[in-house]
PDB file of N, CA and C in Angstrom:
ATOM      1  N   MET A   1      14.083  14.843 -18.252  1.00  0.00           N
ATOM      2  CA  MET A   1      14.099  14.905 -16.462  1.00  0.00           C
ATOM      3  C   MET A   1      12.924  14.659 -15.349  1.00  0.00           C
ATOM      4  N   LYS A   2      12.211  14.610 -15.250  1.00  0.00           N
ATOM      5  CA  LYS A   2      11.014  14.188 -14.147  1.00  0.00           C
ATOM      6  C   LYS A   2      11.619  15.239 -12.796  1.00  0.00           C
ATOM      7  N   LYS A   3      10.576  15.577 -12.476  1.00  0.00           N
ATOM      8  CA  LYS A   3      11.126  16.944 -10.570  1.00  0.00           C
ATOM      9  C   LYS A   3      10.736  15.600 -10.098  1.00  0.00           C
ATOM     10  N   GLY A   4      11.490  15.921  -8.978  1.00  0.00           N
ATOM     11  CA  GLY A   4      11.393  15.081  -7.919  1.00  0.00           C
ATOM     12  C   GLY A   4      10.553  15.610  -6.238  1.00  0.00           C
ATOM     13  N   TYR A   5       9.947  15.637  -5.339  1.00  0.00           N
ATOM     14  CA  TYR A   5       9.005  16.380  -4.542  1.00  0.00           C
ATOM     15  C   TYR A   5       9.190  15.593  -2.684  1.00  0.00           C
ATOM     16  N   TRP A   6       9.572  16.401  -1.526  1.00  0.00           N
ATOM     17  CA  TRP A   6       9.167  16.268  -0.938  1.00  0.00           C
ATOM     18  C   TRP A   6       7.351  16.713  -0.221  1.00  0.00           C
ATOM     19  N   VAL A   7       6.937  16.009  -0.124  1.00  0.00           N
ATOM     20  CA  VAL A   7       5.828  16.024   0.796  1.00  0.00           C
ATOM     21  C   VAL A   7       5.518  16.314   2.013  1.00  0.00           C
ATOM     22  N   VAL A   8       5.781  16.126   2.795  1.00  0.00           N
ATOM     23  CA  VAL A   8       5.135  16.265   4.111  1.00  0.00           C
ATOM     24  C   VAL A   8       4.390  17.048   4.820  1.00  0.00           C
ATOM     25  N   ALA A   9       3.239  15.951   5.401  1.00  0.00           N
ATOM     26  CA  ALA A   9       2.777  16.284   6.453  1.00  0.00           C
ATOM     27  C   ALA A   9       2.900  16.387   7.587  1.00  0.00           C
ATOM     28  N   TYR A  10       2.694  16.731   9.060  1.00  0.00           N
ATOM     29  CA  TYR A  10       3.358  17.482  10.028  1.00  0.00           C
ATOM     30  C   TYR A  10       2.139  16.564  11.652  1.00  0.00           C
ATOM     31  N   ARG A  11       1.802  15.916  11.254  1.00  0.00           N
ATOM     32  CA  ARG A  11       0.483  15.243  12.443  1.00  0.00           C
ATOM     33  C   ARG A  11       0.890  15.854  14.208  1.00  0.00           C
ATOM     34  N   THR A  12       2.430  15.815  14.920  1.00  0.00           N
ATOM     35  CA  THR A  12       2.422  16.453  15.360  1.00  0.00           C
ATOM     36  C   THR A  12       4.123  17.391  15.283  1.00  0.00           C
ATOM     37  N   ILE A  13       3.946  19.127  16.292  1.00  0.00           N
ATOM     38  CA  ILE A  13       5.152  19.717  16.402  1.00  0.00           C
ATOM     39  C   ILE A  13       4.743  19.970  17.334  1.00  0.00           C
ATOM     40  N   GLY A  14       5.886  18.681  18.258  1.00  0.00           N
ATOM     41  CA  GLY A  14       5.917  19.724  20.269  1.00  0.00           C
ATOM     42  C   GLY A  14       6.495  20.618  20.692  1.00  0.00           C
ATOM     43  N   ASP A  15       7.751  21.917  19.834  1.00  0.00           N
ATOM     44  CA  ASP A  15       8.372  22.329  20.060  1.00  0.00           C
ATOM     45  C   ASP A  15       8.936  23.236  19.054  1.00  0.00           C
ATOM     46  N   GLU A  16       8.630  24.394  19.187  1.00  0.00           N
ATOM     47  CA  GLU A  16       8.286  25.361  17.778  1.00  0.00           C
ATOM     48  C   GLU A  16       9.492  25.449  17.995  1.00  0.00           C
ATOM     49  N   ALA A  17      10.473  25.734  18.676  1.00  0.00           N
ATOM     50  CA  ALA A  17      11.635  26.666  18.836  1.00  0.00           C
ATOM     51  C   ALA A  17      13.031  25.391  18.859  1.00  0.00           C
ATOM     52  N   THR A  18      12.567  24.521  18.625  1.00  0.00           N
ATOM     53  CA  THR A  18      13.477  23.070  17.827  1.00  0.00           C
ATOM     54  C   THR A  18      13.126  23.178  16.291  1.00  0.00           C
ATOM     55  N   MET A  19      11.542  23.099  16.154  1.00  0.00           N
ATOM     56  CA  MET A  19      11.418  22.908  14.198  1.00  0.00           C
ATOM     57  C   MET A  19      11.909  24.534  14.067  1.00  0.00           C
ATOM     58  N   LYS A  20      12.206  25.937  13.923  1.00  0.00           N
ATOM     59  CA  LYS A  20      13.203  26.781  13.996  1.00  0.00           C
ATOM     60  C   LYS A  20      14.669  26.091  14.042  1.00  0.00           C
ATOM     61  N   SER A  21      15.230  25.373  14.791  1.00  0.00           N
ATOM     62  CA  SER A  21      16.524  25.095  14.396  1.00  0.00           C
ATOM     63  C   SER A  21      16.434  24.222  13.297  1.00  0.00           C
ATOM     64  N   TYR A  22      14.848  23.090  12.436  1.00  0.00           N
ATOM     65  CA  TYR A  22      15.241  22.398  11.933  1.00  0.00           C
ATOM     66  C   TYR A  22      15.119  22.859  11.214  1.00  0.00           C
ATOM     67  N   VAL A  23      13.561  23.753  10.693  1.00  0.00           N
ATOM     68  CA  VAL A  23      14.244  24.989   9.733  1.00  0.00           C
ATOM     69  C   VAL A  23      15.568  25.725   9.036  1.00  0.00           C
ATOM     70  N   ALA A  24      16.248  25.830  10.133  1.00  0.00           N
ATOM     71  CA  ALA A  24      16.897  26.901   9.690  1.00  0.00           C
ATOM     72  C   ALA A  24      18.622  25.442   8.936  1.00  0.00           C
ATOM     73  N   LEU A  25      17.973  24.383   9.654  1.00  0.00           N
ATOM     74  CA  LEU A  25      19.417  23.526   8.982  1.00  0.00           C
ATOM     75  C   LEU A  25      18.763  22.846   7.631  1.00  0.00           C
ATOM     76  N   ALA A  26      17.057  22.287   7.545  1.00  0.00           N
ATOM     77  CA  ALA A  26      16.840  21.407   6.522  1.00  0.00           C
ATOM     78  C   ALA A  26      16.891  22.381   5.124  1.00  0.00           C
ATOM     79  N   SER A  27      16.879  24.169   5.158  1.00  0.00           N
ATOM     80  CA  SER A  27      16.807  25.255   4.259  1.00  0.00           C
ATOM     81  C   SER A  27      18.606  25.158   3.979  1.00  0.00           C
ATOM     82  N   ALA A  28      18.976  25.406   4.593  1.00  0.00           N
ATOM     83  CA  ALA A  28      20.314  25.151   4.202  1.00  0.00           C
ATOM     84  C   ALA A  28      20.618  23.814   2.818  1.00  0.00           C
ATOM     85  N   ALA A  29      20.902  23.168   4.231  1.00  0.00           N
ATOM     86  CA  ALA A  29      20.768  22.414   3.059  1.00  0.00           C
ATOM     87  C   ALA A  29      19.447  21.202   1.515  1.00  0.00           C
ATOM     88  N   LEU A  30      18.899  21.583   1.041  1.00  0.00           N
ATOM     89  CA  LEU A  30      18.375  21.460   0.571  1.00  0.00           C
ATOM     90  C   LEU A  30      18.233  22.622  -0.739  1.00  0.00           C
ATOM     91  N   GLY A  31      18.592  23.703  -0.389  1.00  0.00           N
ATOM     92  CA  GLY A  31      19.442  24.889  -0.817  1.00  0.00           C
ATOM     93  C   GLY A  31      20.609  24.121  -2.094  1.00  0.00           C
ATOM     94  N   GLN A  32      21.449  23.285  -1.621  1.00  0.00           N
ATOM     95  CA  GLN A  32      22.781  22.346  -1.746  1.00  0.00           C
ATOM     96  C   GLN A  32      22.317  21.359  -3.297  1.00  0.00           C
ATOM     97  N   PHE A  33      20.820  21.020  -2.956  1.00  0.00           N
ATOM     98  CA  PHE A  33      19.799  20.688  -3.470  1.00  0.00           C
ATOM     99  C   PHE A  33      19.389  21.059  -5.012  1.00  0.00           C
ATOM    100  N   GLY A  34      19.321  22.161  -5.077  1.00  0.00           N
ATOM    101  CA  GLY A  34      18.345  22.773  -5.821  1.00  0.00           C
ATOM    102  C   GLY A  34      16.983  23.483  -5.215  1.00  0.00           C
ATOM    103  N   GLY A  35      16.574  22.846  -3.836  1.00  0.00           N
ATOM    104  CA  GLY A  35      15.142  22.208  -3.162  1.00  0.00           C
ATOM    105  C   GLY A  35      14.236  23.301  -3.361  1.00  0.00           C
ATOM    106  N   ARG A  36      13.292  23.974  -4.064  1.00  0.00           N
ATOM    107  CA  ARG A  36      12.589  24.997  -3.192  1.00  0.00           C
ATOM    108  C   ARG A  36      11.472  24.823  -3.132  1.00  0.00           C
ATOM    109  N   LEU A  37      10.733  25.460  -2.212  1.00  0.00           N
ATOM    110  CA  LEU A  37       9.477  25.099  -1.051  1.00  0.00           C
ATOM    111  C   LEU A  37       8.326  26.130  -2.307  1.00  0.00           C
ATOM    112  N   LEU A  38       7.694  25.419  -1.693  1.00  0.00           N
ATOM    113  CA  LEU A  38       6.710  25.047  -2.868  1.00  0.00           C
ATOM    114  C   LEU A  38       5.310  25.942  -2.284  1.00  0.00           C
ATOM    115  N   VAL A  39       5.230  24.728  -1.297  1.00  0.00           N
ATOM    116  CA  VAL A  39       3.630  24.607  -0.131  1.00  0.00           C
ATOM    117  C   VAL A  39       4.727  24.663   1.692  1.00  0.00           C
ATOM    118  N   GLY A  40       4.662  25.960   2.027  1.00  0.00           N
ATOM    119  CA  GLY A  40       5.144  26.173   3.399  1.00  0.00           C
ATOM    120  C   GLY A  40       4.308  25.552   4.998  1.00  0.00           C
ATOM    121  N   PRO A  41       4.847  24.998   6.249  1.00  0.00           N
ATOM    122  CA  PRO A  41       3.784  24.530   6.877  1.00  0.00           C
ATOM    123  C   PRO A  41       2.117  25.854   7.167  1.00  0.00           C
ATOM    124  N   GLY A  42       2.646  27.015   6.827  1.00  0.00           N
ATOM    125  CA  GLY A  42       0.774  28.197   7.474  1.00  0.00           C
ATOM    126  C   GLY A  42       0.929  27.713   6.266  1.00  0.00           C
ATOM    127  N   ASN A  43       0.614  27.561   5.239  1.00  0.00           N
ATOM    128  CA  ASN A  43      -0.485  27.662   4.539  1.00  0.00           C
ATOM    129  C   ASN A  43      -1.439  27.172   4.976  1.00  0.00           C
ATOM    130  N   ALA A  44      -3.127  27.328   4.454  1.00  0.00           N
ATOM    131  CA  ALA A  44      -4.307  26.611   4.357  1.00  0.00           C
ATOM    132  C   ALA A  44      -4.047  25.562   3.517  1.00  0.00           C
ATOM    133  N   VAL A  45      -5.041  24.607   4.122  1.00  0.00           N
ATOM    134  CA  VAL A  45      -4.821  22.892   4.083  1.00  0.00           C
ATOM    135  C   VAL A  45      -7.020  22.656   3.717  1.00  0.00           C
ATOM    136  N   THR A  46      -6.668  22.402   3.239  1.00  0.00           N
ATOM    137  CA  THR A  46      -8.368  21.438   2.815  1.00  0.00           C
ATOM    138  C   THR A  46      -8.204  20.383   2.685  1.00  0.00           C
ATOM    139  N   ALA A  47      -8.606  18.824   3.815  1.00  0.00           N
ATOM    140  CA  ALA A  47      -8.842  18.052   3.702  1.00  0.00           C
ATOM    141  C   ALA A  47     -10.202  16.716   3.566  1.00  0.00           C
ATOM    142  N   LEU A  48      -9.943  16.823   2.621  1.00  0.00           N
ATOM    143  CA  LEU A  48     -11.325  16.031   1.554  1.00  0.00           C
ATOM    144  C   LEU A  48     -10.782  14.555   2.018  1.00  0.00           C
ATOM    145  N   GLU A  49     -12.081  13.503   1.729  1.00  0.00           N
ATOM    146  CA  GLU A  49     -12.118  11.689   2.174  1.00  0.00           C
ATOM    147  C   GLU A  49     -11.589  11.961   3.226  1.00  0.00           C
ATOM    148  N   ALA A  50     -10.190  11.117   2.773  1.00  0.00           N
ATOM    149  CA  ALA A  50     -10.009  10.050   4.414  1.00  0.00           C
ATOM    150  C   ALA A  50      -8.041  11.185   4.406  1.00  0.00           C
ATOM    151  N   GLY A  51      -8.532  12.293   4.163  1.00  0.00           N
ATOM    152  CA  GLY A  51      -7.000  12.749   4.714  1.00  0.00           C
ATOM    153  C   GLY A  51      -7.294  13.972   5.927  1.00  0.00           C
ATOM    154  N   LEU A  52      -6.292  14.300   6.337  1.00  0.00           N
ATOM    155  CA  LEU A  52      -6.355  14.803   8.192  1.00  0.00           C
ATOM    156  C   LEU A  52      -5.530  16.265   8.092  1.00  0.00           C
ATOM    157  N   LYS A  53      -7.045  17.447   8.256  1.00  0.00           N
ATOM    158  CA  LYS A  53      -6.188  18.416   8.512  1.00  0.00           C
ATOM    159  C   LYS A  53      -4.873  18.892   8.688  1.00  0.00           C
ATOM    160  N   GLN A  54      -3.226  18.700   8.057  1.00  0.00           N
ATOM    161  CA  GLN A  54      -2.104  18.557   9.297  1.00  0.00           C
ATOM    162  C   GLN A  54      -1.842  19.892   8.670  1.00  0.00           C
ATOM    163  N   PRO A  55      -0.619  20.455   8.789  1.00  0.00           N
ATOM    164  CA  PRO A  55       0.682  21.099   8.246  1.00  0.00           C
ATOM    165  C   PRO A  55       0.505  21.029   7.155  1.00  0.00           C
ATOM    166  N   THR A  56       1.445  21.383   5.786  1.00  0.00           N
ATOM    167  CA  THR A  56       1.611  20.095   5.269  1.00  0.00           C
ATOM    168  C   THR A  56       3.528  20.862   4.307  1.00  0.00           C
ATOM    169  N   VAL A  57       4.365  20.240   3.736  1.00  0.00           N
ATOM    170  CA  VAL A  57       5.046  21.231   3.143  1.00  0.00           C
ATOM    171  C   VAL A  57       5.273  19.633   1.910  1.00  0.00           C
ATOM    172  N   VAL A  58       5.298  21.048   0.695  1.00  0.00           N
ATOM    173  CA  VAL A  58       6.259  20.408  -0.617  1.00  0.00           C
ATOM    174  C   VAL A  58       7.058  21.537  -0.901  1.00  0.00           C
ATOM    175  N   VAL A  59       8.169  20.339  -1.082  1.00  0.00           N
ATOM    176  CA  VAL A  59       9.366  20.994  -1.882  1.00  0.00           C
ATOM    177  C   VAL A  59       9.801  20.169  -3.099  1.00  0.00           C
ATOM    178  N   GLU A  60       9.891  20.968  -4.372  1.00  0.00           N
ATOM    179  CA  GLU A  60      10.677  20.647  -4.898  1.00  0.00           C
ATOM    180  C   GLU A  60      11.883  20.360  -5.543  1.00  0.00           C
ATOM    181  N   PHE A  61      12.402  19.868  -6.456  1.00  0.00           N
ATOM    182  CA  PHE A  61      13.431  19.301  -6.787  1.00  0.00           C
ATOM    183  C   PHE A  61      13.215  19.650  -7.606  1.00  0.00           C
ATOM    184  N   ASP A  62      14.787  19.721  -9.166  1.00  0.00           N
ATOM    185  CA  ASP A  62      14.700  19.348 -10.914  1.00  0.00           C
ATOM    186  C   ASP A  62      15.317  17.934 -10.995  1.00  0.00           C
ATOM    187  N   SER A  63      14.801  16.937 -10.118  1.00  0.00           N
ATOM    188  CA  SER A  63      15.228  15.233 -10.222  1.00  0.00           C
ATOM    189  C   SER A  63      14.438  14.273  -8.679  1.00  0.00           C
ATOM    190  N   TYR A  64      14.196  13.940  -9.683  1.00  0.00           N
ATOM    191  CA  TYR A  64      13.676  12.992  -8.346  1.00  0.00           C
ATOM    192  C   TYR A  64      14.944  12.148  -7.437  1.00  0.00           C
ATOM    193  N   GLU A  65      16.167  12.005  -8.547  1.00  0.00           N
ATOM    194  CA  GLU A  65      17.555  11.443  -7.756  1.00  0.00           C
ATOM    195  C   GLU A  65      18.258  12.765  -6.544  1.00  0.00           C
ATOM    196  N   GLN A  66      18.065  14.187  -7.223  1.00  0.00           N
ATOM    197  CA  GLN A  66      17.842  14.959  -6.190  1.00  0.00           C
ATOM    198  C   GLN A  66      16.875  15.165  -5.110  1.00  0.00           C
ATOM    199  N   ALA A  67      16.437  15.168  -5.249  1.00  0.00           N
ATOM    200  CA  ALA A  67      15.483  14.664  -4.078  1.00  0.00           C
ATOM    201  C   ALA A  67      16.429  13.536  -2.497  1.00  0.00           C
ATOM    202  N   LEU A  68      16.365  12.896  -3.641  1.00  0.00           N
ATOM    203  CA  LEU A  68      17.034  11.079  -3.788  1.00  0.00           C
ATOM    204  C   LEU A  68      17.746  11.845  -2.237  1.00  0.00           C
ATOM    205  N   ALA A  69      18.897  12.505  -3.024  1.00  0.00           N
ATOM    206  CA  ALA A  69      20.335  12.845  -2.255  1.00  0.00           C
ATOM    207  C   ALA A  69      20.034  13.933  -1.485  1.00  0.00           C
ATOM    208  N   ALA A  70      19.339  14.483  -1.361  1.00  0.00           N
ATOM    209  CA  ALA A  70      18.960  16.485  -0.141  1.00  0.00           C
ATOM    210  C   ALA A  70      18.579  14.823   0.282  1.00  0.00           C
ATOM    211  N   HIS A  71      18.390  14.108   0.932  1.00  0.00           N
ATOM    212  CA  HIS A  71      17.557  13.625   2.430  1.00  0.00           C
ATOM    213  C   HIS A  71      18.547  12.666   1.977  1.00  0.00           C
ATOM    214  N   GLU A  72      19.816  12.038   1.945  1.00  0.00           N
ATOM    215  CA  GLU A  72      20.896  10.991   2.419  1.00  0.00           C
ATOM    216  C   GLU A  72      22.017  11.422   3.146  1.00  0.00           C
ATOM    217  N   SER A  73      21.894  13.335   2.572  1.00  0.00           N
ATOM    218  CA  SER A  73      23.286  14.222   3.317  1.00  0.00           C
ATOM    219  C   SER A  73      23.486  13.920   4.244  1.00  0.00           C
ATOM    220  N   ALA A  74      24.924  14.456   4.354  1.00  0.00           N
ATOM    221  CA  ALA A  74      25.501  15.034   6.199  1.00  0.00           C
ATOM    222  C   ALA A  74      24.609  15.585   6.736  1.00  0.00           C
ATOM    223  N   ASP A  75      24.310  16.653   5.057  1.00  0.00           N
ATOM    224  CA  ASP A  75      23.466  17.958   6.626  1.00  0.00           C
ATOM    225  C   ASP A  75      22.305  17.740   6.378  1.00  0.00           C
ATOM    226  N   TYR A  76      21.518  16.828   5.796  1.00  0.00           N
ATOM    227  CA  TYR A  76      20.388  16.791   6.215  1.00  0.00           C
ATOM    228  C   TYR A  76      20.527  16.328   7.339  1.00  0.00           C
ATOM    229  N   LYS A  77      21.348  14.960   7.605  1.00  0.00           N
ATOM    230  CA  LYS A  77      20.597  14.359   8.825  1.00  0.00           C
ATOM    231  C   LYS A  77      21.236  14.737   9.868  1.00  0.00           C
ATOM    232  N   LYS A  78      22.057  16.163   9.717  1.00  0.00           N
ATOM    233  CA  LYS A  78      22.353  17.545  10.708  1.00  0.00           C
ATOM    234  C   LYS A  78      20.852  17.256  11.172  1.00  0.00           C
ATOM    235  N   ALA A  79      19.905  18.005  10.322  1.00  0.00           N
ATOM    236  CA  ALA A  79      18.708  19.025  10.154  1.00  0.00           C
ATOM    237  C   ALA A  79      17.463  18.128  11.917  1.00  0.00           C
ATOM    238  N   LEU A  80      18.084  16.456  10.535  1.00  0.00           N
ATOM    239  CA  LEU A  80      17.456  15.373  11.611  1.00  0.00           C
ATOM    240  C   LEU A  80      17.019  15.089  12.950  1.00  0.00           C
ATOM    241  N   VAL A  81      19.101  15.447  13.231  1.00  0.00           N
ATOM    242  CA  VAL A  81      18.992  14.919  13.857  1.00  0.00           C
ATOM    243  C   VAL A  81      18.434  16.556  15.459  1.00  0.00           C
ATOM    244  N   ALA A  82      18.768  17.895  14.475  1.00  0.00           N
ATOM    245  CA  ALA A  82      18.127  18.510  15.446  1.00  0.00           C
ATOM    246  C   ALA A  82      16.843  18.754  15.907  1.00  0.00           C
ATOM    247  N   LEU A  83      16.049  17.944  14.835  1.00  0.00           N
ATOM    248  CA  LEU A  83      14.108  17.606  14.356  1.00  0.00           C
ATOM    249  C   LEU A  83      13.802  16.979  16.144  1.00  0.00           C
ATOM    250  N   GLY A  84      14.783  16.067  16.157  1.00  0.00           N
ATOM    251  CA  GLY A  84      14.893  15.611  17.290  1.00  0.00           C
ATOM    252  C   GLY A  84      13.574  13.917  17.036  1.00  0.00           C
ATOM    253  N   SER A  85      12.783  14.163  18.387  1.00  0.00           N
ATOM    254  CA  SER A  85      11.625  13.652  18.220  1.00  0.00           C
ATOM    255  C   SER A  85      10.311  13.796  18.763  1.00  0.00           C
ATOM    256  N   SER A  86      10.042  15.498  18.429  1.00  0.00           N
ATOM    257  CA  SER A  86       9.139  16.412  19.778  1.00  0.00           C
ATOM    258  C   SER A  86       8.235  15.458  18.297  1.00  0.00           C
ATOM    259  N   VAL A  87       8.234  15.983  17.258  1.00  0.00           N
ATOM    260  CA  VAL A  87       8.004  16.165  16.171  1.00  0.00           C
ATOM    261  C   VAL A  87       7.078  14.631  15.278  1.00  0.00           C
ATOM    262  N   GLU A  88       5.993  14.611  14.479  1.00  0.00           N
ATOM    263  CA  GLU A  88       5.407  13.197  13.848  1.00  0.00           C
ATOM    264  C   GLU A  88       4.693  13.657  12.694  1.00  0.00           C
ATOM    265  N   ARG A  89       6.359  13.038  11.207  1.00  0.00           N
ATOM    266  CA  ARG A  89       5.296  13.411  10.433  1.00  0.00           C
ATOM    267  C   ARG A  89       4.959  12.084   9.151  1.00  0.00           C
ATOM    268  N   ASP A  90       4.058  12.235   8.571  1.00  0.00           N
ATOM    269  CA  ASP A  90       4.644  11.307   6.849  1.00  0.00           C
ATOM    270  C   ASP A  90       6.040  11.980   6.057  1.00  0.00           C
ATOM    271  N   PHE A  91       5.933  11.428   5.633  1.00  0.00           N
ATOM    272  CA  PHE A  91       7.354  11.796   4.595  1.00  0.00           C
ATOM    273  C   PHE A  91       7.394  11.458   3.209  1.00  0.00           C
ATOM    274  N   ARG A  92       7.425  12.171   2.218  1.00  0.00           N
ATOM    275  CA  ARG A  92       6.962  11.146   1.209  1.00  0.00           C
ATOM    276  C   ARG A  92       8.186  12.011   0.061  1.00  0.00           C
ATOM    277  N   ILE A  93       8.531  10.996  -0.615  1.00  0.00           N
ATOM    278  CA  ILE A  93       9.788  11.633  -1.893  1.00  0.00           C
ATOM    279  C   ILE A  93       8.850  10.772  -2.993  1.00  0.00           C
ATOM    280  N   VAL A  94       8.503  11.980  -3.962  1.00  0.00           N
ATOM    281  CA  VAL A  94       7.390  11.433  -4.655  1.00  0.00           C
ATOM    282  C   VAL A  94       8.012  11.709  -6.348  1.00  0.00           C
ATOM    283  N   GLU A  95       8.100  11.379  -7.163  1.00  0.00           N
ATOM    284  CA  GLU A  95       8.302  11.232  -8.650  1.00  0.00           C
ATOM    285  C   GLU A  95       7.725  12.767 -10.036  1.00  0.00           C
ATOM    286  N   GLY A  96       7.931  13.420  -9.730  1.00  0.00           N
ATOM    287  CA  GLY A  96       6.761  13.603 -10.516  1.00  0.00           C
ATOM    288  C   GLY A  96       6.013  13.250 -12.169  1.00  0.00           C
ATOM    289  N   VAL A  97       5.670  13.235 -13.103  1.00  0.00           N
ATOM    290  CA  VAL A  97       4.795  13.694 -13.903  1.00  0.00           C
ATOM    291  C   VAL A  97       5.907  13.785 -15.683  1.00  0.00           C
TER     292      VAL A  97
END
């Protein structure tokens, strides 16, 4: 079974308090699906070619299906409500090799 990954690059983060609330809710929701944080937003980023230097998060799941299910879960949707519109990000769910 191929692993699944969330790869999220944050273009703008408007409010740190909002992010803290989102992270607490999202972490609890992702834990239910076995999500493991591999890269956190505070880690170093080197942008190459057409890339942008943006805070980036990578979360690993045991399967691509779990990664999709976590995003569609009711608990994660609550986290998205807490996130609101103060954040702009590029969010991708990808299948591992």
